């Protein structure tokens, strides 16, 4: 997935790169959600809660 190079998206690109260094690759869907957080369309807390609900045992 290509992420447009803007100031807001630079933090998303940093997250993608950091996760890749740790051999943990993000899905296109999750990257899109990170971009929504970076652009202010949703809060990081909303995304965090969504991830917790999805992976809770």
PDB file of N, CA and C in Angstrom:
ATOM      1  N   UNK A   1       0.849  -1.175   0.000  1.00  0.00           N
ATOM      2  CA  UNK A   1       0.000   0.000   0.000  1.00  0.00           C
ATOM      3  C   UNK A   1       0.890   1.232   0.000  1.00  0.00           C
ATOM      4  N   UNK A   2       0.534   2.220  -0.781  1.00  0.00           N
ATOM      5  CA  UNK A   2       1.281   3.464  -0.835  1.00  0.00           C
ATOM      6  C   UNK A   2       0.591   4.491   0.043  1.00  0.00           C
ATOM      7  N   UNK A   3       1.369   5.132   0.900  1.00  0.00           N
ATOM      8  CA  UNK A   3       0.836   6.171   1.777  1.00  0.00           C
ATOM      9  C   UNK A   3       1.350   7.503   1.271  1.00  0.00           C
ATOM     10  N   UNK A   4       0.424   8.418   0.975  1.00  0.00           N
ATOM     11  CA  UNK A   4       0.779   9.731   0.474  1.00  0.00           C
ATOM     12  C   UNK A   4       1.693  10.437   1.475  1.00  0.00           C
ATOM     13  N   UNK A   5       2.726  11.091   0.977  1.00  0.00           N
ATOM     14  CA  UNK A   5       3.713  11.728   1.848  1.00  0.00           C
ATOM     15  C   UNK A   5       3.231  13.120   2.263  1.00  0.00           C
ATOM     16  N   UNK A   6       2.543  13.170   3.388  1.00  0.00           N
ATOM     17  CA  UNK A   6       2.139  14.440   3.982  1.00  0.00           C
ATOM     18  C   UNK A   6       2.662  14.455   5.409  1.00  0.00           C
ATOM     19  N   UNK A   7       2.625  15.619   6.018  1.00  0.00           N
ATOM     20  CA  UNK A   7       3.120  15.720   7.392  1.00  0.00           C
ATOM     21  C   UNK A   7       2.328  14.813   8.330  1.00  0.00           C
ATOM     22  N   UNK A   8       1.009  14.770   8.157  1.00  0.00           N
ATOM     23  CA  UNK A   8       0.165  13.925   9.009  1.00  0.00           C
ATOM     24  C   UNK A   8       0.469  12.445   8.799  1.00  0.00           C
ATOM     25  N   UNK A   9       0.694  12.075   7.554  1.00  0.00           N
ATOM     26  CA  UNK A   9       0.927  10.665   7.252  1.00  0.00           C
ATOM     27  C   UNK A   9       2.344  10.212   7.571  1.00  0.00           C
ATOM     28  N   UNK A  10       3.248  11.143   7.843  1.00  0.00           N
ATOM     29  CA  UNK A  10       4.617  10.749   8.176  1.00  0.00           C
ATOM     30  C   UNK A  10       4.633   9.886   9.430  1.00  0.00           C
ATOM     31  N   UNK A  11       3.790  10.215  10.398  1.00  0.00           N
ATOM     32  CA  UNK A  11       3.741   9.402  11.618  1.00  0.00           C
ATOM     33  C   UNK A  11       3.224   7.995  11.309  1.00  0.00           C
ATOM     34  N   UNK A  12       2.279   7.885  10.386  1.00  0.00           N
ATOM     35  CA  UNK A  12       1.765   6.570   9.985  1.00  0.00           C
ATOM     36  C   UNK A  12       2.876   5.777   9.295  1.00  0.00           C
ATOM     37  N   UNK A  13       3.625   6.435   8.430  1.00  0.00           N
ATOM     38  CA  UNK A  13       4.739   5.764   7.758  1.00  0.00           C
ATOM     39  C   UNK A  13       5.774   5.289   8.772  1.00  0.00           C
ATOM     40  N   UNK A  14       6.017   6.085   9.807  1.00  0.00           N
ATOM     41  CA  UNK A  14       6.965   5.688  10.851  1.00  0.00           C
ATOM     42  C   UNK A  14       6.473   4.446  11.595  1.00  0.00           C
ATOM     43  N   UNK A  15       5.176   4.394  11.878  1.00  0.00           N
ATOM     44  CA  UNK A  15       4.601   3.224  12.557  1.00  0.00           C
ATOM     45  C   UNK A  15       4.750   1.990  11.673  1.00  0.00           C
ATOM     46  N   UNK A  16       4.428   2.124  10.391  1.00  0.00           N
ATOM     47  CA  UNK A  16       4.535   0.999   9.459  1.00  0.00           C
ATOM     48  C   UNK A  16       5.976   0.485   9.420  1.00  0.00           C
ATOM     49  N   UNK A  17       6.935   1.399   9.326  1.00  0.00           N
ATOM     50  CA  UNK A  17       8.343   1.010   9.254  1.00  0.00           C
ATOM     51  C   UNK A  17       8.808   0.356  10.549  1.00  0.00           C
ATOM     52  N   UNK A  18       8.405   0.918  11.680  1.00  0.00           N
ATOM     53  CA  UNK A  18       8.804   0.360  12.975  1.00  0.00           C
ATOM     54  C   UNK A  18       8.258  -1.047  13.154  1.00  0.00           C
ATOM     55  N   UNK A  19       7.006  -1.248  12.785  1.00  0.00           N
ATOM     56  CA  UNK A  19       6.414  -2.577  12.900  1.00  0.00           C
ATOM     57  C   UNK A  19       7.115  -3.560  11.958  1.00  0.00           C
ATOM     58  N   UNK A  20       7.464  -3.120  10.751  1.00  0.00           N
ATOM     59  CA  UNK A  20       8.143  -3.991   9.789  1.00  0.00           C
ATOM     60  C   UNK A  20       9.520  -4.408  10.302  1.00  0.00           C
ATOM     61  N   UNK A  21      10.221  -3.495  10.969  1.00  0.00           N
ATOM     62  CA  UNK A  21      11.528  -3.829  11.543  1.00  0.00           C
ATOM     63  C   UNK A  21      11.383  -4.968  12.544  1.00  0.00           C
ATOM     64  N   UNK A  22      10.268  -4.986  13.248  1.00  0.00           N
ATOM     65  CA  UNK A  22      10.003  -6.041  14.234  1.00  0.00           C
ATOM     66  C   UNK A  22       9.346  -7.270  13.603  1.00  0.00           C
ATOM     67  N   UNK A  23       9.307  -7.305  12.253  1.00  0.00           N
ATOM     68  CA  UNK A  23       8.716  -8.406  11.495  1.00  0.00           C
ATOM     69  C   UNK A  23       7.223  -8.560  11.784  1.00  0.00           C
ATOM     70  N   UNK A  24       6.567  -7.430  11.980  1.00  0.00           N
ATOM     71  CA  UNK A  24       5.118  -7.390  12.213  1.00  0.00           C
ATOM     72  C   UNK A  24       4.527  -6.462  11.152  1.00  0.00           C
ATOM     73  N   UNK A  25       3.798  -7.034  10.215  1.00  0.00           N
ATOM     74  CA  UNK A  25       3.295  -6.266   9.090  1.00  0.00           C
ATOM     75  C   UNK A  25       1.813  -5.953   9.282  1.00  0.00           C
ATOM     76  N   UNK A  26       1.443  -4.708   8.978  1.00  0.00           N
ATOM     77  CA  UNK A  26       0.068  -4.242   9.164  1.00  0.00           C
ATOM     78  C   UNK A  26      -0.743  -4.486   7.897  1.00  0.00           C
ATOM     79  N   UNK A  27      -2.016  -4.807   8.080  1.00  0.00           N
ATOM     80  CA  UNK A  27      -2.905  -4.997   6.932  1.00  0.00           C
ATOM     81  C   UNK A  27      -3.254  -3.639   6.323  1.00  0.00           C
ATOM     82  N   UNK A  28      -3.681  -3.662   5.071  1.00  0.00           N
ATOM     83  CA  UNK A  28      -4.105  -2.427   4.408  1.00  0.00           C
ATOM     84  C   UNK A  28      -5.265  -1.793   5.162  1.00  0.00           C
ATOM     85  N   UNK A  29      -6.149  -2.633   5.675  1.00  0.00           N
ATOM     86  CA  UNK A  29      -7.303  -2.145   6.435  1.00  0.00           C
ATOM     87  C   UNK A  29      -6.844  -1.378   7.674  1.00  0.00           C
ATOM     88  N   UNK A  30      -5.873  -1.923   8.397  1.00  0.00           N
ATOM     89  CA  UNK A  30      -5.406  -1.267   9.615  1.00  0.00           C
ATOM     90  C   UNK A  30      -4.650   0.015   9.294  1.00  0.00           C
ATOM     91  N   UNK A  31      -3.877   0.017   8.205  1.00  0.00           N
ATOM     92  CA  UNK A  31      -3.174   1.236   7.793  1.00  0.00           C
ATOM     93  C   UNK A  31      -4.190   2.330   7.477  1.00  0.00           C
ATOM     94  N   UNK A  32      -5.284   1.960   6.822  1.00  0.00           N
ATOM     95  CA  UNK A  32      -6.340   2.935   6.524  1.00  0.00           C
ATOM     96  C   UNK A  32      -6.913   3.516   7.807  1.00  0.00           C
ATOM     97  N   UNK A  33      -7.065   2.679   8.818  1.00  0.00           N
ATOM     98  CA  UNK A  33      -7.580   3.151  10.105  1.00  0.00           C
ATOM     99  C   UNK A  33      -6.579   4.082  10.780  1.00  0.00           C
ATOM    100  N   UNK A  34      -5.293   3.792  10.659  1.00  0.00           N
ATOM    101  CA  UNK A  34      -4.273   4.683  11.217  1.00  0.00           C
ATOM    102  C   UNK A  34      -4.293   6.040  10.519  1.00  0.00           C
ATOM    103  N   UNK A  35      -4.512   6.033   9.215  1.00  0.00           N
ATOM    104  CA  UNK A  35      -4.600   7.284   8.461  1.00  0.00           C
ATOM    105  C   UNK A  35      -5.806   8.091   8.923  1.00  0.00           C
ATOM    106  N   UNK A  36      -6.922   7.420   9.215  1.00  0.00           N
ATOM    107  CA  UNK A  36      -8.102   8.112   9.743  1.00  0.00           C
ATOM    108  C   UNK A  36      -7.786   8.788  11.070  1.00  0.00           C
ATOM    109  N   UNK A  37      -7.022   8.114  11.916  1.00  0.00           N
ATOM    110  CA  UNK A  37      -6.628   8.700  13.201  1.00  0.00           C
ATOM    111  C   UNK A  37      -5.734   9.910  12.957  1.00  0.00           C
ATOM    112  N   UNK A  38      -4.767   9.782  12.058  1.00  0.00           N
ATOM    113  CA  UNK A  38      -3.836  10.875  11.772  1.00  0.00           C
ATOM    114  C   UNK A  38      -4.548  12.091  11.197  1.00  0.00           C
ATOM    115  N   UNK A  39      -5.618  11.852  10.441  1.00  0.00           N
ATOM    116  CA  UNK A  39      -6.343  12.966   9.827  1.00  0.00           C
ATOM    117  C   UNK A  39      -7.446  13.518  10.723  1.00  0.00           C
ATOM    118  N   UNK A  40      -7.649  12.904  11.883  1.00  0.00           N
ATOM    119  CA  UNK A  40      -8.636  13.414  12.830  1.00  0.00           C
ATOM    120  C   UNK A  40     -10.045  12.902  12.622  1.00  0.00           C
ATOM    121  N   UNK A  41     -10.239  11.938  11.743  1.00  0.00           N
ATOM    122  CA  UNK A  41     -11.572  11.397  11.490  1.00  0.00           C
ATOM    123  C   UNK A  41     -12.053  10.491  12.617  1.00  0.00           C
ATOM    124  N   UNK A  42     -11.106   9.960  13.392  1.00  0.00           N
ATOM    125  CA  UNK A  42     -11.446   9.144  14.556  1.00  0.00           C
ATOM    126  C   UNK A  42     -10.325   9.301  15.567  1.00  0.00           C
ATOM    127  N   UNK A  43     -10.614   8.952  16.788  1.00  0.00           N
ATOM    128  CA  UNK A  43      -9.597   9.109  17.832  1.00  0.00           C
ATOM    129  C   UNK A  43      -8.779   7.826  17.985  1.00  0.00           C
ATOM    130  N   UNK A  44      -7.607   7.980  18.535  1.00  0.00           N
ATOM    131  CA  UNK A  44      -6.769   6.808  18.784  1.00  0.00           C
ATOM    132  C   UNK A  44      -7.425   5.896  19.813  1.00  0.00           C
ATOM    133  N   UNK A  45      -8.173   6.485  20.736  1.00  0.00           N
ATOM    134  CA  UNK A  45      -8.875   5.678  21.745  1.00  0.00           C
ATOM    135  C   UNK A  45      -9.943   4.802  21.089  1.00  0.00           C
ATOM    136  N   UNK A  46     -10.661   5.339  20.105  1.00  0.00           N
ATOM    137  CA  UNK A  46     -11.660   4.542  19.382  1.00  0.00           C
ATOM    138  C   UNK A  46     -10.998   3.352  18.690  1.00  0.00           C
ATOM    139  N   UNK A  47      -9.878   3.595  18.046  1.00  0.00           N
ATOM    140  CA  UNK A  47      -9.168   2.517  17.359  1.00  0.00           C
ATOM    141  C   UNK A  47      -8.633   1.506  18.363  1.00  0.00           C
ATOM    142  N   UNK A  48      -8.107   1.984  19.467  1.00  0.00           N
ATOM    143  CA  UNK A  48      -7.587   1.092  20.507  1.00  0.00           C
ATOM    144  C   UNK A  48      -8.684   0.179  21.030  1.00  0.00           C
ATOM    145  N   UNK A  49      -9.860   0.746  21.314  1.00  0.00           N
ATOM    146  CA  UNK A  49     -10.978  -0.050  21.815  1.00  0.00           C
ATOM    147  C   UNK A  49     -11.447  -1.070  20.774  1.00  0.00           C
ATOM    148  N   UNK A  50     -11.439  -0.675  19.502  1.00  0.00           N
ATOM    149  CA  UNK A  50     -11.827  -1.598  18.431  1.00  0.00           C
ATOM    150  C   UNK A  50     -10.875  -2.800  18.381  1.00  0.00           C
ATOM    151  N   UNK A  51      -9.584  -2.537  18.501  1.00  0.00           N
ATOM    152  CA  UNK A  51      -8.587  -3.618  18.487  1.00  0.00           C
ATOM    153  C   UNK A  51      -8.766  -4.518  19.703  1.00  0.00           C
ATOM    154  N   UNK A  52      -9.010  -3.921  20.860  1.00  0.00           N
ATOM    155  CA  UNK A  52      -9.224  -4.708  22.083  1.00  0.00           C
ATOM    156  C   UNK A  52     -10.438  -5.616  21.923  1.00  0.00           C
ATOM    157  N   UNK A  53     -11.550  -5.072  21.395  1.00  0.00           N
ATOM    158  CA  UNK A  53     -12.757  -5.883  21.185  1.00  0.00           C
ATOM    159  C   UNK A  53     -12.486  -7.032  20.215  1.00  0.00           C
ATOM    160  N   UNK A  54     -11.733  -6.741  19.164  1.00  0.00           N
ATOM    161  CA  UNK A  54     -11.474  -7.751  18.140  1.00  0.00           C
ATOM    162  C   UNK A  54     -10.626  -8.906  18.672  1.00  0.00           C
ATOM    163  N   UNK A  55      -9.655  -8.598  19.507  1.00  0.00           N
ATOM    164  CA  UNK A  55      -8.711  -9.627  19.942  1.00  0.00           C
ATOM    165  C   UNK A  55      -8.890 -10.071  21.387  1.00  0.00           C
ATOM    166  N   UNK A  56      -9.922  -9.587  22.057  1.00  0.00           N
ATOM    167  CA  UNK A  56     -10.164  -9.996  23.449  1.00  0.00           C
ATOM    168  C   UNK A  56     -10.520 -11.477  23.494  1.00  0.00           C
ATOM    169  N   UNK A  57     -10.096 -12.125  24.538  1.00  0.00           N
ATOM    170  CA  UNK A  57     -10.365 -13.563  24.673  1.00  0.00           C
ATOM    171  C   UNK A  57     -11.670 -13.805  25.317  1.00  0.00           C
TER     172      UNK A  57
END
